[in-house]
PDB file of all heavy atoms in Angstrom:
ATOM      1  N   LEU A   1      83.180 106.603 104.060  1.00  0.00           N
ATOM      2  CA  LEU A   1      82.733 106.354 102.689  1.00  0.00           C
ATOM      3  C   LEU A   1      81.893 107.524 102.170  1.00  0.00           C
ATOM      4  O   LEU A   1      81.995 107.908 101.002  1.00  0.00           O
ATOM      5  CB  LEU A   1      81.928 105.053 102.619  1.00  0.00           C
ATOM      6  CG  LEU A   1      81.489 104.590 101.224  1.00  0.00           C
ATOM      7  CD1 LEU A   1      82.700 104.368 100.325  1.00  0.00           C
ATOM      8  CD2 LEU A   1      80.654 103.317 101.318  1.00  0.00           C
ATOM      9  N   ALA A   2      81.082 108.122 103.064  1.00  0.00           N
ATOM     10  CA  ALA A   2      80.277 109.275 102.660  1.00  0.00           C
ATOM     11  C   ALA A   2      81.169 110.448 102.265  1.00  0.00           C
ATOM     12  O   ALA A   2      80.887 111.157 101.297  1.00  0.00           O
ATOM     13  CB  ALA A   2      79.345 109.680 103.809  1.00  0.00           C
ATOM     14  N   VAL A   3      82.271 110.655 103.001  1.00  0.00           N
ATOM     15  CA  VAL A   3      83.229 111.713 102.650  1.00  0.00           C
ATOM     16  C   VAL A   3      83.850 111.423 101.297  1.00  0.00           C
ATOM     17  O   VAL A   3      84.008 112.323 100.453  1.00  0.00           O
ATOM     18  CB  VAL A   3      84.322 111.836 103.735  1.00  0.00           C
ATOM     19  CG1 VAL A   3      85.432 112.783 103.276  1.00  0.00           C
ATOM     20  CG2 VAL A   3      83.722 112.311 105.049  1.00  0.00           C
ATOM     21  N   GLN A   4      84.205 110.169 101.082  1.00  0.00           N
ATOM     22  CA  GLN A   4      84.810 109.789  99.804  1.00  0.00           C
ATOM     23  C   GLN A   4      83.845 110.035  98.648  1.00  0.00           C
ATOM     24  O   GLN A   4      84.247 110.539  97.585  1.00  0.00           O
ATOM     25  CB  GLN A   4      85.219 108.312  99.840  1.00  0.00           C
ATOM     26  CG  GLN A   4      86.326 107.982 100.823  1.00  0.00           C
ATOM     27  CD  GLN A   4      87.677 108.482 100.359  1.00  0.00           C
ATOM     28  OE1 GLN A   4      88.023 108.391  99.201  1.00  0.00           O
ATOM     29  NE2 GLN A   4      88.442 109.042 101.290  1.00  0.00           N
ATOM     30  N   LYS A   5      82.577 109.693  98.837  1.00  0.00           N
ATOM     31  CA  LYS A   5      81.585 109.908  97.777  1.00  0.00           C
ATOM     32  C   LYS A   5      81.406 111.392  97.486  1.00  0.00           C
ATOM     33  O   LYS A   5      81.326 111.813  96.335  1.00  0.00           O
ATOM     34  CB  LYS A   5      80.240 109.279  98.167  1.00  0.00           C
ATOM     35  CG  LYS A   5      80.191 107.765  98.027  1.00  0.00           C
ATOM     36  CD  LYS A   5      78.773 107.245  98.233  1.00  0.00           C
ATOM     37  CE  LYS A   5      78.678 105.764  97.923  1.00  0.00           C
ATOM     38  NZ  LYS A   5      77.287 105.260  98.028  1.00  0.00           N
ATOM     39  N   GLU A   6      81.324 112.188  98.543  1.00  0.00           N
ATOM     40  CA  GLU A   6      81.146 113.634  98.356  1.00  0.00           C
ATOM     41  C   GLU A   6      82.320 114.228  97.593  1.00  0.00           C
ATOM     42  O   GLU A   6      82.158 115.141  96.783  1.00  0.00           O
ATOM     43  CB  GLU A   6      80.991 114.306  99.725  1.00  0.00           C
ATOM     44  CG  GLU A   6      80.868 115.817  99.668  1.00  0.00           C
ATOM     45  CD  GLU A   6      79.657 116.282  98.895  1.00  0.00           C
ATOM     46  OE1 GLU A   6      78.646 115.560  98.877  1.00  0.00           O
ATOM     47  OE2 GLU A   6      79.736 117.360  98.290  1.00  0.00           O
ATOM     48  N   SER A   7      83.520 113.694  97.830  1.00  0.00           N
ATOM     49  CA  SER A   7      84.722 114.276  97.244  1.00  0.00           C
ATOM     50  C   SER A   7      84.951 113.872  95.793  1.00  0.00           C
ATOM     51  O   SER A   7      85.916 114.332  95.178  1.00  0.00           O
ATOM     52  CB  SER A   7      85.952 113.890  98.076  1.00  0.00           C
ATOM     53  OG  SER A   7      86.243 112.509  97.936  1.00  0.00           O
ATOM     54  N   VAL A   8      84.092 113.004  95.236  1.00  0.00           N
ATOM     55  CA  VAL A   8      84.208 112.682  93.805  1.00  0.00           C
ATOM     56  C   VAL A   8      82.986 113.141  93.017  1.00  0.00           C
ATOM     57  O   VAL A   8      82.872 112.840  91.826  1.00  0.00           O
ATOM     58  CB  VAL A   8      84.446 111.167  93.562  1.00  0.00           C
ATOM     59  CG1 VAL A   8      85.793 110.742  94.112  1.00  0.00           C
ATOM     60  CG2 VAL A   8      83.314 110.316  94.129  1.00  0.00           C
ATOM     61  N   ARG A   9      82.063 113.867  93.662  1.00  0.00           N
ATOM     62  CA  ARG A   9      80.957 114.449  92.913  1.00  0.00           C
ATOM     63  C   ARG A   9      81.496 115.312  91.785  1.00  0.00           C
ATOM     64  O   ARG A   9      82.516 115.987  91.928  1.00  0.00           O
ATOM     65  CB  ARG A   9      80.081 115.313  93.823  1.00  0.00           C
ATOM     66  CG  ARG A   9      79.202 114.566  94.797  1.00  0.00           C
ATOM     67  CD  ARG A   9      78.404 115.548  95.652  1.00  0.00           C
ATOM     68  NE  ARG A   9      77.613 116.439  94.815  1.00  0.00           N
ATOM     69  CZ  ARG A   9      77.824 117.755  94.722  1.00  0.00           C
ATOM     70  NH1 ARG A   9      78.806 118.339  95.362  1.00  0.00           N
ATOM     71  NH2 ARG A   9      77.044 118.486  93.950  1.00  0.00           N
ATOM     72  N   LEU A  10      80.807 115.306  90.652  1.00  0.00           N
ATOM     73  CA  LEU A  10      81.282 116.076  89.507  1.00  0.00           C
ATOM     74  C   LEU A  10      81.456 117.551  89.863  1.00  0.00           C
ATOM     75  O   LEU A  10      82.456 118.179  89.496  1.00  0.00           O
ATOM     76  CB  LEU A  10      80.306 115.935  88.335  1.00  0.00           C
ATOM     77  CG  LEU A  10      80.429 114.667  87.500  1.00  0.00           C
ATOM     78  CD1 LEU A  10      79.281 114.580  86.495  1.00  0.00           C
ATOM     79  CD2 LEU A  10      81.768 114.639  86.768  1.00  0.00           C
ATOM     80  N   ALA A  11      80.470 118.127  90.567  1.00  0.00           N
ATOM     81  CA  ALA A  11      80.557 119.546  90.907  1.00  0.00           C
ATOM     82  C   ALA A  11      81.734 119.815  91.842  1.00  0.00           C
ATOM     83  O   ALA A  11      82.406 120.846  91.727  1.00  0.00           O
ATOM     84  CB  ALA A  11      79.254 120.014  91.546  1.00  0.00           C
ATOM     85  N   PHE A  12      82.014 118.885  92.767  1.00  0.00           N
ATOM     86  CA  PHE A  12      83.143 119.066  93.681  1.00  0.00           C
ATOM     87  C   PHE A  12      84.468 118.958  92.932  1.00  0.00           C
ATOM     88  O   PHE A  12      85.379 119.765  93.136  1.00  0.00           O
ATOM     89  CB  PHE A  12      83.075 118.036  94.809  1.00  0.00           C
ATOM     90  CG  PHE A  12      84.152 118.209  95.848  1.00  0.00           C
ATOM     91  CD1 PHE A  12      83.984 119.107  96.895  1.00  0.00           C
ATOM     92  CD2 PHE A  12      85.329 117.483  95.784  1.00  0.00           C
ATOM     93  CE1 PHE A  12      84.979 119.284  97.849  1.00  0.00           C
ATOM     94  CE2 PHE A  12      86.329 117.654  96.735  1.00  0.00           C
ATOM     95  CZ  PHE A  12      86.155 118.551  97.771  1.00  0.00           C
ATOM     96  N   VAL A  13      84.574 117.963  92.063  1.00  0.00           N
ATOM     97  CA  VAL A  13      85.804 117.799  91.279  1.00  0.00           C
ATOM     98  C   VAL A  13      86.022 119.009  90.380  1.00  0.00           C
ATOM     99  O   VAL A  13      87.150 119.490  90.221  1.00  0.00           O
ATOM    100  CB  VAL A  13      85.751 116.499  90.452  1.00  0.00           C
ATOM    101  CG1 VAL A  13      86.959 116.381  89.520  1.00  0.00           C
ATOM    102  CG2 VAL A  13      85.705 115.284  91.381  1.00  0.00           C
ATOM    103  N   ALA A  14      84.935 119.547  89.813  1.00  0.00           N
ATOM    104  CA  ALA A  14      85.044 120.758  88.999  1.00  0.00           C
ATOM    105  C   ALA A  14      85.505 121.937  89.856  1.00  0.00           C
ATOM    106  O   ALA A  14      86.315 122.762  89.411  1.00  0.00           O
ATOM    107  CB  ALA A  14      83.710 121.076  88.324  1.00  0.00           C
ATOM    108  N   ALA A  15      85.003 122.028  91.091  1.00  0.00           N
ATOM    109  CA  ALA A  15      85.423 123.113  91.982  1.00  0.00           C
ATOM    110  C   ALA A  15      86.901 122.990  92.340  1.00  0.00           C
ATOM    111  O   ALA A  15      87.616 123.994  92.444  1.00  0.00           O
ATOM    112  CB  ALA A  15      84.562 123.111  93.249  1.00  0.00           C
ATOM    113  N   LEU A  16      87.381 121.747  92.515  1.00  0.00           N
ATOM    114  CA  LEU A  16      88.795 121.540  92.819  1.00  0.00           C
ATOM    115  C   LEU A  16      89.699 122.111  91.741  1.00  0.00           C
ATOM    116  O   LEU A  16      90.823 122.567  92.022  1.00  0.00           O
ATOM    117  CB  LEU A  16      89.089 120.041  92.972  1.00  0.00           C
ATOM    118  CG  LEU A  16      88.637 119.344  94.252  1.00  0.00           C
ATOM    119  CD1 LEU A  16      88.904 117.852  94.151  1.00  0.00           C
ATOM    120  CD2 LEU A  16      89.341 119.938  95.470  1.00  0.00           C
ATOM    121  N   GLN A  17      89.219 122.106  90.498  1.00  0.00           N
ATOM    122  CA  GLN A  17      90.056 122.558  89.384  1.00  0.00           C
ATOM    123  C   GLN A  17      90.347 124.056  89.455  1.00  0.00           C
ATOM    124  O   GLN A  17      91.225 124.552  88.748  1.00  0.00           O
ATOM    125  CB  GLN A  17      89.406 122.207  88.047  1.00  0.00           C
ATOM    126  CG  GLN A  17      88.972 120.753  87.895  1.00  0.00           C
ATOM    127  CD  GLN A  17      90.049 119.748  88.253  1.00  0.00           C
ATOM    128  OE1 GLN A  17      91.121 119.739  87.654  1.00  0.00           O
ATOM    129  NE2 GLN A  17      89.774 118.892  89.228  1.00  0.00           N
ATOM    130  N   HIS A  18      89.621 124.799  90.300  1.00  0.00           N
ATOM    131  CA  HIS A  18      89.894 126.224  90.478  1.00  0.00           C
ATOM    132  C   HIS A  18      91.112 126.454  91.373  1.00  0.00           C
ATOM    133  O   HIS A  18      91.622 127.575  91.434  1.00  0.00           O
ATOM    134  CB  HIS A  18      88.677 126.923  91.089  1.00  0.00           C
ATOM    135  CG  HIS A  18      87.525 127.073  90.139  1.00  0.00           C
ATOM    136  ND1 HIS A  18      87.362 128.155  89.315  1.00  0.00           N
ATOM    137  CD2 HIS A  18      86.478 126.247  89.880  1.00  0.00           C
ATOM    138  CE1 HIS A  18      86.272 128.016  88.590  1.00  0.00           C
ATOM    139  NE2 HIS A  18      85.707 126.856  88.912  1.00  0.00           N
ATOM    140  N   LEU A  19      91.565 125.432  92.064  1.00  0.00           N
ATOM    141  CA  LEU A  19      92.699 125.579  92.964  1.00  0.00           C
ATOM    142  C   LEU A  19      94.013 125.414  92.218  1.00  0.00           C
ATOM    143  O   LEU A  19      94.122 124.561  91.332  1.00  0.00           O
ATOM    144  CB  LEU A  19      92.632 124.533  94.079  1.00  0.00           C
ATOM    145  CG  LEU A  19      91.384 124.526  94.963  1.00  0.00           C
ATOM    146  CD1 LEU A  19      91.461 123.375  95.951  1.00  0.00           C
ATOM    147  CD2 LEU A  19      91.223 125.855  95.687  1.00  0.00           C
ATOM    148  N   PRO A  20      95.042 126.192  92.583  1.00  0.00           N
ATOM    149  CA  PRO A  20      96.376 125.911  92.055  1.00  0.00           C
ATOM    150  C   PRO A  20      96.759 124.473  92.390  1.00  0.00           C
ATOM    151  O   PRO A  20      96.349 123.950  93.440  1.00  0.00           O
ATOM    152  CB  PRO A  20      97.271 126.924  92.784  1.00  0.00           C
ATOM    153  CG  PRO A  20      96.342 128.025  93.200  1.00  0.00           C
ATOM    154  CD  PRO A  20      95.022 127.355  93.492  1.00  0.00           C
ATOM    155  N   PRO A  21      97.531 123.806  91.519  1.00  0.00           N
ATOM    156  CA  PRO A  21      97.795 122.370  91.711  1.00  0.00           C
ATOM    157  C   PRO A  21      98.301 121.973  93.093  1.00  0.00           C
ATOM    158  O   PRO A  21      97.840 120.986  93.667  1.00  0.00           O
ATOM    159  CB  PRO A  21      98.815 122.061  90.614  1.00  0.00           C
ATOM    160  CG  PRO A  21      98.463 123.018  89.522  1.00  0.00           C
ATOM    161  CD  PRO A  21      98.064 124.287  90.228  1.00  0.00           C
ATOM    162  N   ARG A  22      99.243 122.723  93.663  1.00  0.00           N
ATOM    163  CA  ARG A  22      99.776 122.329  94.970  1.00  0.00           C
ATOM    164  C   ARG A  22      98.744 122.530  96.074  1.00  0.00           C
ATOM    165  O   ARG A  22      98.660 121.716  97.002  1.00  0.00           O
ATOM    166  CB  ARG A  22     101.070 123.083  95.275  1.00  0.00           C
ATOM    167  CG  ARG A  22     102.246 122.596  94.431  1.00  0.00           C
ATOM    168  CD  ARG A  22     103.495 123.403  94.710  1.00  0.00           C
ATOM    169  NE  ARG A  22     104.044 123.157  96.026  1.00  0.00           N
ATOM    170  CZ  ARG A  22     104.891 122.163  96.334  1.00  0.00           C
ATOM    171  NH1 ARG A  22     105.284 121.314  95.393  1.00  0.00           N
ATOM    172  NH2 ARG A  22     105.357 122.028  97.563  1.00  0.00           N
ATOM    173  N   GLN A  23      97.938 123.588  95.980  1.00  0.00           N
ATOM    174  CA  GLN A  23      96.839 123.742  96.944  1.00  0.00           C
ATOM    175  C   GLN A  23      95.849 122.599  96.805  1.00  0.00           C
ATOM    176  O   GLN A  23      95.299 122.111  97.802  1.00  0.00           O
ATOM    177  CB  GLN A  23      96.120 125.076  96.719  1.00  0.00           C
ATOM    178  CG  GLN A  23      96.844 126.294  97.235  1.00  0.00           C
ATOM    179  CD  GLN A  23      95.983 127.538  97.147  1.00  0.00           C
ATOM    180  OE1 GLN A  23      94.751 127.465  97.173  1.00  0.00           O
ATOM    181  NE2 GLN A  23      96.623 128.698  97.042  1.00  0.00           N
ATOM    182  N   ARG A  24      95.598 122.198  95.586  1.00  0.00           N
ATOM    183  CA  ARG A  24      94.680 121.089  95.324  1.00  0.00           C
ATOM    184  C   ARG A  24      95.187 119.826  96.009  1.00  0.00           C
ATOM    185  O   ARG A  24      94.426 119.097  96.662  1.00  0.00           O
ATOM    186  CB  ARG A  24      94.576 120.873  93.804  1.00  0.00           C
ATOM    187  CG  ARG A  24      93.374 120.078  93.352  1.00  0.00           C
ATOM    188  CD  ARG A  24      93.382 119.931  91.830  1.00  0.00           C
ATOM    189  NE  ARG A  24      93.512 121.219  91.152  1.00  0.00           N
ATOM    190  CZ  ARG A  24      93.673 121.358  89.850  1.00  0.00           C
ATOM    191  NH1 ARG A  24      93.729 120.291  89.068  1.00  0.00           N
ATOM    192  NH2 ARG A  24      93.780 122.567  89.302  1.00  0.00           N
ATOM    193  N   ALA A  25      96.484 119.554  95.858  1.00  0.00           N
ATOM    194  CA  ALA A  25      97.071 118.361  96.478  1.00  0.00           C
ATOM    195  C   ALA A  25      96.948 118.444  98.001  1.00  0.00           C
ATOM    196  O   ALA A  25      96.582 117.457  98.665  1.00  0.00           O
ATOM    197  CB  ALA A  25      98.530 118.221  96.059  1.00  0.00           C
ATOM    198  N   VAL A  26      97.245 119.607  98.566  1.00  0.00           N
ATOM    199  CA  VAL A  26      97.161 119.772 100.017  1.00  0.00           C
ATOM    200  C   VAL A  26      95.740 119.517 100.498  1.00  0.00           C
ATOM    201  O   VAL A  26      95.517 118.783 101.474  1.00  0.00           O
ATOM    202  CB  VAL A  26      97.626 121.180 100.435  1.00  0.00           C
ATOM    203  CG1 VAL A  26      97.263 121.450 101.900  1.00  0.00           C
ATOM    204  CG2 VAL A  26      99.134 121.323 100.240  1.00  0.00           C
ATOM    205  N   LEU A  27      94.751 120.117  99.846  1.00  0.00           N
ATOM    206  CA  LEU A  27      93.374 119.960 100.306  1.00  0.00           C
ATOM    207  C   LEU A  27      92.918 118.507 100.207  1.00  0.00           C
ATOM    208  O   LEU A  27      92.265 117.990 101.121  1.00  0.00           O
ATOM    209  CB  LEU A  27      92.445 120.863  99.504  1.00  0.00           C
ATOM    210  CG  LEU A  27      91.000 120.839 100.019  1.00  0.00           C
ATOM    211  CD1 LEU A  27      90.444 122.241 100.194  1.00  0.00           C
ATOM    212  CD2 LEU A  27      90.091 120.031  99.107  1.00  0.00           C
ATOM    213  N   ILE A  28      93.239 117.832  99.121  1.00  0.00           N
ATOM    214  CA  ILE A  28      92.826 116.435  98.967  1.00  0.00           C
ATOM    215  C   ILE A  28      93.496 115.564 100.023  1.00  0.00           C
ATOM    216  O   ILE A  28      92.848 114.729 100.676  1.00  0.00           O
ATOM    217  CB  ILE A  28      93.154 115.926  97.553  1.00  0.00           C
ATOM    218  CG1 ILE A  28      92.337 116.687  96.506  1.00  0.00           C
ATOM    219  CG2 ILE A  28      92.867 114.428  97.438  1.00  0.00           C
ATOM    220  CD1 ILE A  28      92.793 116.448  95.075  1.00  0.00           C
ATOM    221  N   LEU A  29      94.789 115.749 100.209  1.00  0.00           N
ATOM    222  CA  LEU A  29      95.512 114.926 101.183  1.00  0.00           C
ATOM    223  C   LEU A  29      95.035 115.189 102.605  1.00  0.00           C
ATOM    224  O   LEU A  29      94.871 114.259 103.395  1.00  0.00           O
ATOM    225  CB  LEU A  29      97.013 115.194 101.066  1.00  0.00           C
ATOM    226  CG  LEU A  29      97.683 114.678  99.790  1.00  0.00           C
ATOM    227  CD1 LEU A  29      99.079 115.262  99.636  1.00  0.00           C
ATOM    228  CD2 LEU A  29      97.745 113.151  99.783  1.00  0.00           C
ATOM    229  N   ARG A  30      94.779 116.449 102.938  1.00  0.00           N
ATOM    230  CA  ARG A  30      94.394 116.774 104.312  1.00  0.00           C
ATOM    231  C   ARG A  30      92.911 116.507 104.587  1.00  0.00           C
ATOM    232  O   ARG A  30      92.561 115.871 105.578  1.00  0.00           O
ATOM    233  CB  ARG A  30      94.722 118.251 104.611  1.00  0.00           C
ATOM    234  CG  ARG A  30      96.204 118.565 104.681  1.00  0.00           C
ATOM    235  CD  ARG A  30      96.827 118.114 106.005  1.00  0.00           C
ATOM    236  NE  ARG A  30      96.457 119.039 107.080  1.00  0.00           N
ATOM    237  CZ  ARG A  30      95.741 118.705 108.157  1.00  0.00           C
ATOM    238  NH1 ARG A  30      95.307 117.483 108.315  1.00  0.00           N
ATOM    239  NH2 ARG A  30      95.467 119.606 109.088  1.00  0.00           N
ATOM    240  N   ASP A  31      92.029 117.014 103.727  1.00  0.00           N
ATOM    241  CA  ASP A  31      90.597 116.990 104.041  1.00  0.00           C
ATOM    242  C   ASP A  31      89.880 115.747 103.537  1.00  0.00           C
ATOM    243  O   ASP A  31      88.847 115.373 104.088  1.00  0.00           O
ATOM    244  CB  ASP A  31      89.910 118.231 103.454  1.00  0.00           C
ATOM    245  CG  ASP A  31      90.171 119.482 104.272  1.00  0.00           C
ATOM    246  OD1 ASP A  31      90.869 119.375 105.297  1.00  0.00           O
ATOM    247  OD2 ASP A  31      89.700 120.573 103.885  1.00  0.00           O
ATOM    248  N   VAL A  32      90.386 115.128 102.474  1.00  0.00           N
ATOM    249  CA  VAL A  32      89.732 113.935 101.930  1.00  0.00           C
ATOM    250  C   VAL A  32      90.410 112.672 102.447  1.00  0.00           C
ATOM    251  O   VAL A  32      89.750 111.756 102.962  1.00  0.00           O
ATOM    252  CB  VAL A  32      89.728 113.956 100.389  1.00  0.00           C
ATOM    253  CG1 VAL A  32      89.124 112.663  99.840  1.00  0.00           C
ATOM    254  CG2 VAL A  32      88.966 115.172  99.866  1.00  0.00           C
ATOM    255  N   LEU A  33      91.730 112.619 102.335  1.00  0.00           N
ATOM    256  CA  LEU A  33      92.470 111.410 102.714  1.00  0.00           C
ATOM    257  C   LEU A  33      92.936 111.429 104.166  1.00  0.00           C
ATOM    258  O   LEU A  33      93.463 110.433 104.658  1.00  0.00           O
ATOM    259  CB  LEU A  33      93.660 111.225 101.775  1.00  0.00           C
ATOM    260  CG  LEU A  33      93.278 111.083 100.296  1.00  0.00           C
ATOM    261  CD1 LEU A  33      94.525 110.930  99.427  1.00  0.00           C
ATOM    262  CD2 LEU A  33      92.337 109.910 100.082  1.00  0.00           C
ATOM    263  N   ARG A  34      92.750 112.566 104.862  1.00  0.00           N
ATOM    264  CA  ARG A  34      93.004 112.685 106.302  1.00  0.00           C
ATOM    265  C   ARG A  34      94.470 112.515 106.675  1.00  0.00           C
ATOM    266  O   ARG A  34      94.801 111.989 107.738  1.00  0.00           O
ATOM    267  CB  ARG A  34      92.150 111.673 107.087  1.00  0.00           C
ATOM    268  CG  ARG A  34      90.668 111.682 106.763  1.00  0.00           C
ATOM    269  CD  ARG A  34      90.029 113.019 107.028  1.00  0.00           C
ATOM    270  NE  ARG A  34      88.560 112.946 106.971  1.00  0.00           N
ATOM    271  CZ  ARG A  34      87.770 114.005 106.993  1.00  0.00           C
ATOM    272  NH1 ARG A  34      88.289 115.219 107.066  1.00  0.00           N
ATOM    273  NH2 ARG A  34      86.451 113.865 106.942  1.00  0.00           N
ATOM    274  N   TRP A  35      95.364 112.947 105.805  1.00  0.00           N
ATOM    275  CA  TRP A  35      96.780 112.955 106.162  1.00  0.00           C
ATOM    276  C   TRP A  35      97.034 114.060 107.182  1.00  0.00           C
ATOM    277  O   TRP A  35      96.341 115.075 107.212  1.00  0.00           O
ATOM    278  CB  TRP A  35      97.649 113.199 104.926  1.00  0.00           C
ATOM    279  CG  TRP A  35      97.794 112.012 104.018  1.00  0.00           C
ATOM    280  CD1 TRP A  35      96.838 111.111 103.681  1.00  0.00           C
ATOM    281  CD2 TRP A  35      98.974 111.636 103.311  1.00  0.00           C
ATOM    282  NE1 TRP A  35      97.340 110.193 102.806  1.00  0.00           N
ATOM    283  CE2 TRP A  35      98.655 110.486 102.559  1.00  0.00           C
ATOM    284  CE3 TRP A  35     100.256 112.154 103.233  1.00  0.00           C
ATOM    285  CZ2 TRP A  35      99.581 109.843 101.737  1.00  0.00           C
ATOM    286  CZ3 TRP A  35     101.185 111.519 102.418  1.00  0.00           C
ATOM    287  CH2 TRP A  35     100.857 110.371 101.684  1.00  0.00           C
ATOM    288  N   LYS A  36      98.063 113.874 108.005  1.00  0.00           N
ATOM    289  CA  LYS A  36      98.478 114.890 108.957  1.00  0.00           C
ATOM    290  C   LYS A  36      99.304 115.955 108.237  1.00  0.00           C
ATOM    291  O   LYS A  36      99.909 115.702 107.193  1.00  0.00           O
ATOM    292  CB  LYS A  36      99.299 114.265 110.087  1.00  0.00           C
ATOM    293  CG  LYS A  36      98.513 113.250 110.915  1.00  0.00           C
ATOM    294  CD  LYS A  36      99.410 112.615 111.969  1.00  0.00           C
ATOM    295  CE  LYS A  36      98.640 111.582 112.788  1.00  0.00           C
ATOM    296  NZ  LYS A  36      99.522 110.908 113.781  1.00  0.00           N
ATOM    297  N   ALA A  37      99.326 117.144 108.828  1.00  0.00           N
ATOM    298  CA  ALA A  37     100.033 118.256 108.185  1.00  0.00           C
ATOM    299  C   ALA A  37     101.515 117.948 107.986  1.00  0.00           C
ATOM    300  O   ALA A  37     102.097 118.284 106.948  1.00  0.00           O
ATOM    301  CB  ALA A  37      99.865 119.530 109.017  1.00  0.00           C
ATOM    302  N   ASP A  38     102.147 117.289 108.975  1.00  0.00           N
ATOM    303  CA  ASP A  38     103.571 117.000 108.832  1.00  0.00           C
ATOM    304  C   ASP A  38     103.817 115.952 107.749  1.00  0.00           C
ATOM    305  O   ASP A  38     104.858 115.981 107.067  1.00  0.00           O
ATOM    306  CB  ASP A  38     104.173 116.571 110.167  1.00  0.00           C
ATOM    307  CG  ASP A  38     103.542 115.307 110.731  1.00  0.00           C
ATOM    308  OD1 ASP A  38     102.357 115.036 110.426  1.00  0.00           O
ATOM    309  OD2 ASP A  38     104.218 114.585 111.489  1.00  0.00           O
ATOM    310  N   GLU A  39     102.858 115.029 107.552  1.00  0.00           N
ATOM    311  CA  GLU A  39     102.997 114.038 106.495  1.00  0.00           C
ATOM    312  C   GLU A  39     102.916 114.691 105.113  1.00  0.00           C
ATOM    313  O   GLU A  39     103.686 114.359 104.208  1.00  0.00           O
ATOM    314  CB  GLU A  39     101.917 112.964 106.632  1.00  0.00           C
ATOM    315  CG  GLU A  39     102.046 112.116 107.887  1.00  0.00           C
ATOM    316  CD  GLU A  39     100.839 111.214 108.120  1.00  0.00           C
ATOM    317  OE1 GLU A  39      99.751 111.517 107.590  1.00  0.00           O
ATOM    318  OE2 GLU A  39     100.998 110.218 108.845  1.00  0.00           O
ATOM    319  N   VAL A  40     101.988 115.642 104.978  1.00  0.00           N
ATOM    320  CA  VAL A  40     101.860 116.352 103.702  1.00  0.00           C
ATOM    321  C   VAL A  40     103.090 117.208 103.462  1.00  0.00           C
ATOM    322  O   VAL A  40     103.592 117.301 102.329  1.00  0.00           O
ATOM    323  CB  VAL A  40     100.586 117.215 103.687  1.00  0.00           C
ATOM    324  CG1 VAL A  40     100.483 118.006 102.386  1.00  0.00           C
ATOM    325  CG2 VAL A  40      99.349 116.344 103.869  1.00  0.00           C
ATOM    326  N   ALA A  41     103.601 117.840 104.510  1.00  0.00           N
ATOM    327  CA  ALA A  41     104.801 118.663 104.374  1.00  0.00           C
ATOM    328  C   ALA A  41     105.984 117.823 103.902  1.00  0.00           C
ATOM    329  O   ALA A  41     106.765 118.253 103.038  1.00  0.00           O
ATOM    330  CB  ALA A  41     105.116 119.342 105.705  1.00  0.00           C
ATOM    331  N   THR A  42     106.120 116.620 104.446  1.00  0.00           N
ATOM    332  CA  THR A  42     107.204 115.736 104.015  1.00  0.00           C
ATOM    333  C   THR A  42     107.035 115.344 102.560  1.00  0.00           C
ATOM    334  O   THR A  42     107.998 115.362 101.783  1.00  0.00           O
ATOM    335  CB  THR A  42     107.235 114.474 104.898  1.00  0.00           C
ATOM    336  OG1 THR A  42     107.476 114.849 106.260  1.00  0.00           O
ATOM    337  CG2 THR A  42     108.317 113.515 104.439  1.00  0.00           C
ATOM    338  N   LEU A  43     105.803 114.996 102.174  1.00  0.00           N
ATOM    339  CA  LEU A  43     105.548 114.584 100.794  1.00  0.00           C
ATOM    340  C   LEU A  43     105.872 115.711  99.814  1.00  0.00           C
ATOM    341  O   LEU A  43     106.486 115.485  98.761  1.00  0.00           O
ATOM    342  CB  LEU A  43     104.093 114.157 100.639  1.00  0.00           C
ATOM    343  CG  LEU A  43     103.666 113.632  99.268  1.00  0.00           C
ATOM    344  CD1 LEU A  43     102.628 112.546  99.406  1.00  0.00           C
ATOM    345  CD2 LEU A  43     103.102 114.755  98.398  1.00  0.00           C
ATOM    346  N   LEU A  44     105.467 116.945 100.141  1.00  0.00           N
ATOM    347  CA  LEU A  44     105.652 118.074  99.235  1.00  0.00           C
ATOM    348  C   LEU A  44     106.984 118.790  99.458  1.00  0.00           C
ATOM    349  O   LEU A  44     107.270 119.792  98.785  1.00  0.00           O
ATOM    350  CB  LEU A  44     104.505 119.077  99.412  1.00  0.00           C
ATOM    351  CG  LEU A  44     103.118 118.580  98.990  1.00  0.00           C
ATOM    352  CD1 LEU A  44     102.049 119.617  99.321  1.00  0.00           C
ATOM    353  CD2 LEU A  44     103.085 118.255  97.502  1.00  0.00           C
ATOM    354  N   GLU A  45     107.767 118.287 100.397  1.00  0.00           N
ATOM    355  CA  GLU A  45     109.077 118.868 100.699  1.00  0.00           C
ATOM    356  C   GLU A  45     108.948 120.355 101.025  1.00  0.00           C
ATOM    357  O   GLU A  45     109.602 121.216 100.436  1.00  0.00           O
ATOM    358  CB  GLU A  45     110.056 118.638  99.539  1.00  0.00           C
ATOM    359  CG  GLU A  45     110.321 117.165  99.282  1.00  0.00           C
ATOM    360  CD  GLU A  45     111.305 116.936  98.147  1.00  0.00           C
ATOM    361  OE1 GLU A  45     111.463 117.853  97.314  1.00  0.00           O
ATOM    362  OE2 GLU A  45     111.908 115.852  98.094  1.00  0.00           O
ATOM    363  N   THR A  46     108.066 120.633 101.989  1.00  0.00           N
ATOM    364  CA  THR A  46     107.835 122.002 102.424  1.00  0.00           C
ATOM    365  C   THR A  46     107.624 121.989 103.926  1.00  0.00           C
ATOM    366  O   THR A  46     107.812 120.963 104.590  1.00  0.00           O
ATOM    367  CB  THR A  46     106.627 122.616 101.678  1.00  0.00           C
ATOM    368  OG1 THR A  46     106.545 124.003 101.982  1.00  0.00           O
ATOM    369  CG2 THR A  46     105.329 121.935 102.064  1.00  0.00           C
TER     370      THR A  46
END
């Protein structure tokens, strides 16, 4: 829950906007939602 709270802070969300959209999706899925790399690869078809 602490990770989830940190990841919706206004400053953090603003920092996310500096990332290209697909990098943004990868970082959120991997570091916030804790998806595995192969799961993200399947989702993004890469």
